[in-house]
């Protein structure tokens, strides 16, 4: 699970929707989608 301290449901790819990006979330998801392993524990990202 990747969580961010923002009001909303989506934290990945927000920049494409004209919203403030959450770089921490984007890095975690991109690393996984790029063939990486799941993080060992949940990831909590600070407010962008």
C-alpha atoms as a PDB file:
ATOM      1  CA  UNK A   1       0.000   0.000   0.000  1.00  0.00           C
ATOM      2  CA  UNK A   2       1.172   3.508  -0.815  1.00  0.00           C
ATOM      3  CA  UNK A   3      -0.470   6.308   1.137  1.00  0.00           C
ATOM      4  CA  UNK A   4      -0.072  10.062   0.941  1.00  0.00           C
ATOM      5  CA  UNK A   5      -1.169  12.783   3.306  1.00  0.00           C
ATOM      6  CA  UNK A   6      -3.631  14.360   0.841  1.00  0.00           C
ATOM      7  CA  UNK A   7      -7.392  14.633   0.519  1.00  0.00           C
ATOM      8  CA  UNK A   8      -8.400  12.292  -2.252  1.00  0.00           C
ATOM      9  CA  UNK A   9      -8.289   8.701  -3.324  1.00  0.00           C
ATOM     10  CA  UNK A  10      -5.641   8.612  -6.024  1.00  0.00           C
ATOM     11  CA  UNK A  11      -1.980   9.283  -5.346  1.00  0.00           C
ATOM     12  CA  UNK A  12      -0.384   7.880  -8.519  1.00  0.00           C
ATOM     13  CA  UNK A  13      -0.140   9.853 -11.744  1.00  0.00           C
ATOM     14  CA  UNK A  14      -1.821  12.973 -10.383  1.00  0.00           C
ATOM     15  CA  UNK A  15       0.235  15.294 -12.579  1.00  0.00           C
ATOM     16  CA  UNK A  16      -1.461  13.867 -15.687  1.00  0.00           C
ATOM     17  CA  UNK A  17      -4.772  15.087 -14.234  1.00  0.00           C
ATOM     18  CA  UNK A  18      -3.452  18.592 -13.569  1.00  0.00           C
ATOM     19  CA  UNK A  19      -3.054  17.955  -9.842  1.00  0.00           C
ATOM     20  CA  UNK A  20       0.045  18.296  -7.672  1.00  0.00           C
ATOM     21  CA  UNK A  21       2.171  15.177  -8.169  1.00  0.00           C
ATOM     22  CA  UNK A  22       3.234  12.950  -5.281  1.00  0.00           C
ATOM     23  CA  UNK A  23       6.789  12.023  -6.366  1.00  0.00           C
ATOM     24  CA  UNK A  24       7.261   9.535  -3.521  1.00  0.00           C
ATOM     25  CA  UNK A  25       4.167   7.577  -4.618  1.00  0.00           C
ATOM     26  CA  UNK A  26       5.070   7.784  -8.295  1.00  0.00           C
ATOM     27  CA  UNK A  27       8.568   6.386  -7.581  1.00  0.00           C
ATOM     28  CA  UNK A  28       7.214   3.498  -5.495  1.00  0.00           C
ATOM     29  CA  UNK A  29       4.599   2.508  -8.079  1.00  0.00           C
ATOM     30  CA  UNK A  30       6.944   2.941 -11.047  1.00  0.00           C
ATOM     31  CA  UNK A  31       9.568   0.764  -9.354  1.00  0.00           C
ATOM     32  CA  UNK A  32       7.013  -2.006  -8.875  1.00  0.00           C
ATOM     33  CA  UNK A  33       5.480  -1.698 -12.354  1.00  0.00           C
ATOM     34  CA  UNK A  34       8.969  -1.661 -13.849  1.00  0.00           C
ATOM     35  CA  UNK A  35       9.524  -5.237 -12.715  1.00  0.00           C
ATOM     36  CA  UNK A  36      10.599  -4.624  -9.157  1.00  0.00           C
ATOM     37  CA  UNK A  37       9.506  -6.337  -6.007  1.00  0.00           C
ATOM     38  CA  UNK A  38       6.835  -5.048  -3.692  1.00  0.00           C
ATOM     39  CA  UNK A  39       8.195  -2.897  -0.853  1.00  0.00           C
ATOM     40  CA  UNK A  40       8.902  -4.822   2.339  1.00  0.00           C
ATOM     41  CA  UNK A  41       6.466  -2.569   4.205  1.00  0.00           C
ATOM     42  CA  UNK A  42       3.848   0.061   3.472  1.00  0.00           C
ATOM     43  CA  UNK A  43       5.046   3.372   2.037  1.00  0.00           C
ATOM     44  CA  UNK A  44       3.763   6.651   3.480  1.00  0.00           C
ATOM     45  CA  UNK A  45       4.481   9.773   1.459  1.00  0.00           C
ATOM     46  CA  UNK A  46       4.525  13.340   2.774  1.00  0.00           C
ATOM     47  CA  UNK A  47       2.153  15.991   1.466  1.00  0.00           C
ATOM     48  CA  UNK A  48       3.425  17.306  -1.852  1.00  0.00           C
END
